[in-house]
Amino acid sequence: MKKKKINLRDLEPKKQQGEHSHDDGHNHSSPEEISNFRTYLPAIFSFVMLIAGIAIDYFDAFPFFKGWIRVVWYTVAYIPVGFPVIREGWKSIKNGDFFTEFFLMSIACLLYTSPSPRD
């Protein structure tokens, strides 16, 4: 039995049954709008923390913003955007795929943030 090929342009949309009113008890906001904003929340949080940390460093606004406090501040800013990348890199290593962008970006981040002999 041969399957019949159907072109999507030939399909007609189904006609709505009855009239549609705006007070029929359901929400008209799309879930994509809500979920898209939630998708960007970790990046927004990290960006705000990074800009605040750079501003505090540049203007020397708080004298206690040195040493471990500074390291913890930037680590907290990194975790929301960096941890998912590290997690995906770890999953790819467990699956035997070593050279994915997630694993390589994790290595690059660790090498960039480690102290160099020139310091």
C-alpha atoms as a PDB file:
ATOM      1  CA  MET A   1       0.000   0.000   0.000  1.00  0.00           C
ATOM      2  CA  LYS A   2       1.481   3.327  -1.073  1.00  0.00           C
ATOM      3  CA  LYS A   3       1.064   6.377   1.144  1.00  0.00           C
ATOM      4  CA  LYS A   4      -0.477   9.412  -0.424  1.00  0.00           C
ATOM      5  CA  LYS A   5       1.687  12.535  -0.265  1.00  0.00           C
ATOM      6  CA  ILE A   6      -0.104  15.590   1.022  1.00  0.00           C
ATOM      7  CA  ASN A   7       1.121  19.092   0.368  1.00  0.00           C
ATOM      8  CA  LEU A   8       0.597  21.354   3.364  1.00  0.00           C
ATOM      9  CA  ARG A   9      -0.432  24.240   1.106  1.00  0.00           C
ATOM     10  CA  ASP A  10      -3.373  22.209  -0.135  1.00  0.00           C
ATOM     11  CA  LEU A  11      -4.842  21.717   3.331  1.00  0.00           C
ATOM     12  CA  GLU A  12      -7.587  24.110   4.340  1.00  0.00           C
ATOM     13  CA  PRO A  13      -7.767  25.325   7.914  1.00  0.00           C
ATOM     14  CA  LYS A  14     -10.683  23.993   9.877  1.00  0.00           C
ATOM     15  CA  LYS A  15     -13.564  26.360  10.209  1.00  0.00           C
ATOM     16  CA  GLN A  16     -14.399  27.461  13.737  1.00  0.00           C
ATOM     17  CA  GLN A  17     -17.647  26.211  15.100  1.00  0.00           C
ATOM     18  CA  GLY A  18     -19.738  29.066  16.451  1.00  0.00           C
ATOM     19  CA  GLU A  19     -18.760  32.516  17.549  1.00  0.00           C
ATOM     20  CA  HIS A  20     -15.842  33.283  19.839  1.00  0.00           C
ATOM     21  CA  SER A  21     -16.226  35.735  22.703  1.00  0.00           C
ATOM     22  CA  HIS A  22     -13.570  37.260  24.902  1.00  0.00           C
ATOM     23  CA  ASP A  23     -15.326  36.359  28.134  1.00  0.00           C
ATOM     24  CA  ASP A  24     -15.387  32.603  27.643  1.00  0.00           C
ATOM     25  CA  GLY A  25     -13.186  31.835  30.649  1.00  0.00           C
ATOM     26  CA  HIS A  26      -9.730  31.340  29.188  1.00  0.00           C
ATOM     27  CA  ASN A  27      -6.608  33.462  29.134  1.00  0.00           C
ATOM     28  CA  HIS A  28      -5.528  35.113  25.884  1.00  0.00           C
ATOM     29  CA  SER A  29      -1.894  35.691  26.839  1.00  0.00           C
ATOM     30  CA  SER A  30       0.388  33.238  25.138  1.00  0.00           C
ATOM     31  CA  PRO A  31       2.528  30.943  27.306  1.00  0.00           C
ATOM     32  CA  GLU A  32       5.472  31.694  25.017  1.00  0.00           C
ATOM     33  CA  GLU A  33       5.576  35.302  26.275  1.00  0.00           C
ATOM     34  CA  ILE A  34       5.765  34.188  29.910  1.00  0.00           C
ATOM     35  CA  SER A  35       8.271  31.394  29.332  1.00  0.00           C
ATOM     36  CA  ASN A  36      10.517  33.590  27.158  1.00  0.00           C
ATOM     37  CA  PHE A  37      10.884  36.087  29.983  1.00  0.00           C
ATOM     38  CA  ARG A  38      11.672  33.316  32.468  1.00  0.00           C
ATOM     39  CA  THR A  39      14.283  32.005  30.056  1.00  0.00           C
ATOM     40  CA  TYR A  40      16.191  35.276  30.225  1.00  0.00           C
ATOM     41  CA  LEU A  41      15.963  35.817  34.008  1.00  0.00           C
ATOM     42  CA  PRO A  42      19.304  34.091  34.822  1.00  0.00           C
ATOM     43  CA  ALA A  43      21.085  36.114  32.145  1.00  0.00           C
ATOM     44  CA  ILE A  44      19.522  39.363  33.368  1.00  0.00           C
ATOM     45  CA  PHE A  45      20.489  38.575  36.966  1.00  0.00           C
ATOM     46  CA  SER A  46      24.074  37.747  35.941  1.00  0.00           C
ATOM     47  CA  PHE A  47      24.332  40.883  33.834  1.00  0.00           C
ATOM     48  CA  VAL A  48      23.133  43.123  36.662  1.00  0.00           C
ATOM     49  CA  MET A  49      25.521  41.479  39.132  1.00  0.00           C
ATOM     50  CA  LEU A  50      28.429  41.814  36.684  1.00  0.00           C
ATOM     51  CA  ILE A  51      27.758  45.479  35.924  1.00  0.00           C
ATOM     52  CA  ALA A  52      27.316  46.248  39.625  1.00  0.00           C
ATOM     53  CA  GLY A  53      30.597  44.473  40.445  1.00  0.00           C
ATOM     54  CA  ILE A  54      32.467  46.318  37.712  1.00  0.00           C
ATOM     55  CA  ALA A  55      31.017  49.647  38.873  1.00  0.00           C
ATOM     56  CA  ILE A  56      31.968  48.948  42.499  1.00  0.00           C
ATOM     57  CA  ASP A  57      35.497  48.004  41.371  1.00  0.00           C
ATOM     58  CA  TYR A  58      35.882  51.053  39.143  1.00  0.00           C
ATOM     59  CA  PHE A  59      34.492  53.681  41.496  1.00  0.00           C
ATOM     60  CA  ASP A  60      35.870  52.023  44.644  1.00  0.00           C
ATOM     61  CA  ALA A  61      32.476  52.645  46.243  1.00  0.00           C
ATOM     62  CA  PHE A  62      32.837  50.059  48.989  1.00  0.00           C
ATOM     63  CA  PRO A  63      36.241  49.614  50.610  1.00  0.00           C
ATOM     64  CA  PHE A  64      35.348  46.092  51.791  1.00  0.00           C
ATOM     65  CA  PHE A  65      34.830  44.906  48.183  1.00  0.00           C
ATOM     66  CA  LYS A  66      38.202  43.193  48.008  1.00  0.00           C
ATOM     67  CA  GLY A  67      39.565  39.674  48.359  1.00  0.00           C
ATOM     68  CA  TRP A  68      37.051  36.929  49.026  1.00  0.00           C
ATOM     69  CA  ILE A  69      34.008  39.174  48.912  1.00  0.00           C
ATOM     70  CA  ARG A  70      34.901  40.165  45.377  1.00  0.00           C
ATOM     71  CA  VAL A  71      35.485  36.521  44.345  1.00  0.00           C
ATOM     72  CA  VAL A  72      32.166  35.427  45.858  1.00  0.00           C
ATOM     73  CA  TRP A  73      30.345  38.328  44.146  1.00  0.00           C
ATOM     74  CA  TYR A  74      31.612  37.395  40.689  1.00  0.00           C
ATOM     75  CA  THR A  75      31.033  33.686  41.352  1.00  0.00           C
ATOM     76  CA  VAL A  76      27.401  34.368  42.240  1.00  0.00           C
ATOM     77  CA  ALA A  77      27.124  36.392  39.027  1.00  0.00           C
ATOM     78  CA  TYR A  78      28.612  33.504  37.018  1.00  0.00           C
ATOM     79  CA  ILE A  79      26.576  30.611  38.427  1.00  0.00           C
ATOM     80  CA  PRO A  80      23.186  31.293  36.733  1.00  0.00           C
ATOM     81  CA  VAL A  81      24.709  31.389  33.252  1.00  0.00           C
ATOM     82  CA  GLY A  82      27.778  29.195  33.736  1.00  0.00           C
ATOM     83  CA  PHE A  83      26.376  26.243  35.633  1.00  0.00           C
ATOM     84  CA  PRO A  84      24.027  25.065  32.834  1.00  0.00           C
ATOM     85  CA  VAL A  85      26.963  25.101  30.410  1.00  0.00           C
ATOM     86  CA  ILE A  86      29.156  23.107  32.795  1.00  0.00           C
ATOM     87  CA  ARG A  87      26.297  20.653  33.418  1.00  0.00           C
ATOM     88  CA  GLU A  88      25.778  20.072  29.675  1.00  0.00           C
ATOM     89  CA  GLY A  89      29.531  19.633  29.245  1.00  0.00           C
ATOM     90  CA  TRP A  90      29.575  17.009  31.991  1.00  0.00           C
ATOM     91  CA  LYS A  91      26.643  15.172  30.390  1.00  0.00           C
ATOM     92  CA  SER A  92      28.417  15.134  27.036  1.00  0.00           C
ATOM     93  CA  ILE A  93      31.589  13.735  28.644  1.00  0.00           C
ATOM     94  CA  LYS A  94      29.554  10.956  30.268  1.00  0.00           C
ATOM     95  CA  ASN A  95      28.105  10.158  26.837  1.00  0.00           C
ATOM     96  CA  GLY A  96      31.609   9.949  25.368  1.00  0.00           C
ATOM     97  CA  ASP A  97      31.496  13.161  23.345  1.00  0.00           C
ATOM     98  CA  PHE A  98      34.453  15.223  24.544  1.00  0.00           C
ATOM     99  CA  PHE A  99      34.628  18.014  21.999  1.00  0.00           C
ATOM    100  CA  THR A 100      31.292  19.775  22.335  1.00  0.00           C
ATOM    101  CA  GLU A 101      30.920  23.512  22.711  1.00  0.00           C
ATOM    102  CA  PHE A 102      29.730  23.048  26.305  1.00  0.00           C
ATOM    103  CA  PHE A 103      32.814  21.136  27.400  1.00  0.00           C
ATOM    104  CA  LEU A 104      35.193  23.435  25.546  1.00  0.00           C
ATOM    105  CA  MET A 105      33.580  26.582  26.968  1.00  0.00           C
ATOM    106  CA  SER A 106      33.827  25.119  30.477  1.00  0.00           C
ATOM    107  CA  ILE A 107      37.538  24.479  29.993  1.00  0.00           C
ATOM    108  CA  ALA A 108      38.065  27.964  28.514  1.00  0.00           C
ATOM    109  CA  CYS A 109      36.301  29.582  31.457  1.00  0.00           C
ATOM    110  CA  LEU A 110      38.334  27.654  34.009  1.00  0.00           C
ATOM    111  CA  LEU A 111      41.594  28.438  32.234  1.00  0.00           C
ATOM    112  CA  TYR A 112      40.718  32.116  31.852  1.00  0.00           C
ATOM    113  CA  THR A 113      39.796  32.579  35.501  1.00  0.00           C
ATOM    114  CA  SER A 114      42.770  30.673  36.936  1.00  0.00           C
ATOM    115  CA  PRO A 115      45.796  32.738  37.918  1.00  0.00           C
ATOM    116  CA  SER A 116      48.550  32.805  35.357  1.00  0.00           C
ATOM    117  CA  PRO A 117      52.281  32.656  36.121  1.00  0.00           C
ATOM    118  CA  ARG A 118      52.592  36.232  34.851  1.00  0.00           C
ATOM    119  CA  ASP A 119      50.503  37.604  37.744  1.00  0.00           C
END
